[in-house]
Amino acid sequence: MITSGLVLFHEDLQPLLVDIDSVQQHPSNYNNGDVEALGESIEVNGMYRPIYVQSSTGYIIAGNHTWVACKGLGAEKIPVVRLDVDDNTALRIMLADNRIAAMAVPDNAQLLDLLKHLDTHDSLLGTGYQSYDIDVLAALAEMPVEHDEFAQWPTITVQVPPHVRRAYFRMTDAAGGDRERFELVLRLAGWDGR
């Protein structure tokens, strides 16, 4: 392992290490990552992947909050992969990196098994999960499933003017139903799915 500040980098990243101040956050990054959780992961697991930077600008297009977490841990170096891309491609990569990760839908049964395994055989430290997440997932798994699995869920009805309704449907056009549309709006508002 290679050390810079409180950050441990995996040996395979050594050829990619550069001065941390030779790159900078992308000024158009709209995402607000959990820097504290990233910092914990880096402290526990070490830095295991590089950040991605647009060569011409030095702007980070994937890994903005990882960079912030490393700075907070006193790192003077960071592993970087430079991409020779134009400004629009850099923005698409940044948007895709943020959006596609947010669209992931976990298999909660498999997640519960993984969390229980780590909690029993090691620790959840550095995963972003806490022991209460196991309790919540276990409680959800024990809920009886009715014939119509959503029958017991609350229904939300909202009356809005026509222009708001049109905007809602335009914003959520990619969703596959009312539930997905509502979840998409919540994610756009900053909800992380928990």
Foldseek 3Di string as FASTA:
>chain_A
DDDFQLAAAPPVLVVQKDFLVQAAEDPPQPDDDDLVLLLFLRNVVGDYDAFEAAVVHSHTLGCRSNSVSCVVSRGRIGGYDYDPDDPVVSPVSSCCNVPVVLPDDDPLVVVLVVQVVCVVPPRCTNVSDDPVSNVVSVVVVPDDADPPNCPPPDDDDDDDDPVVVVVLCVQQVVDDDDVRSVVSVVVVVPDSPD
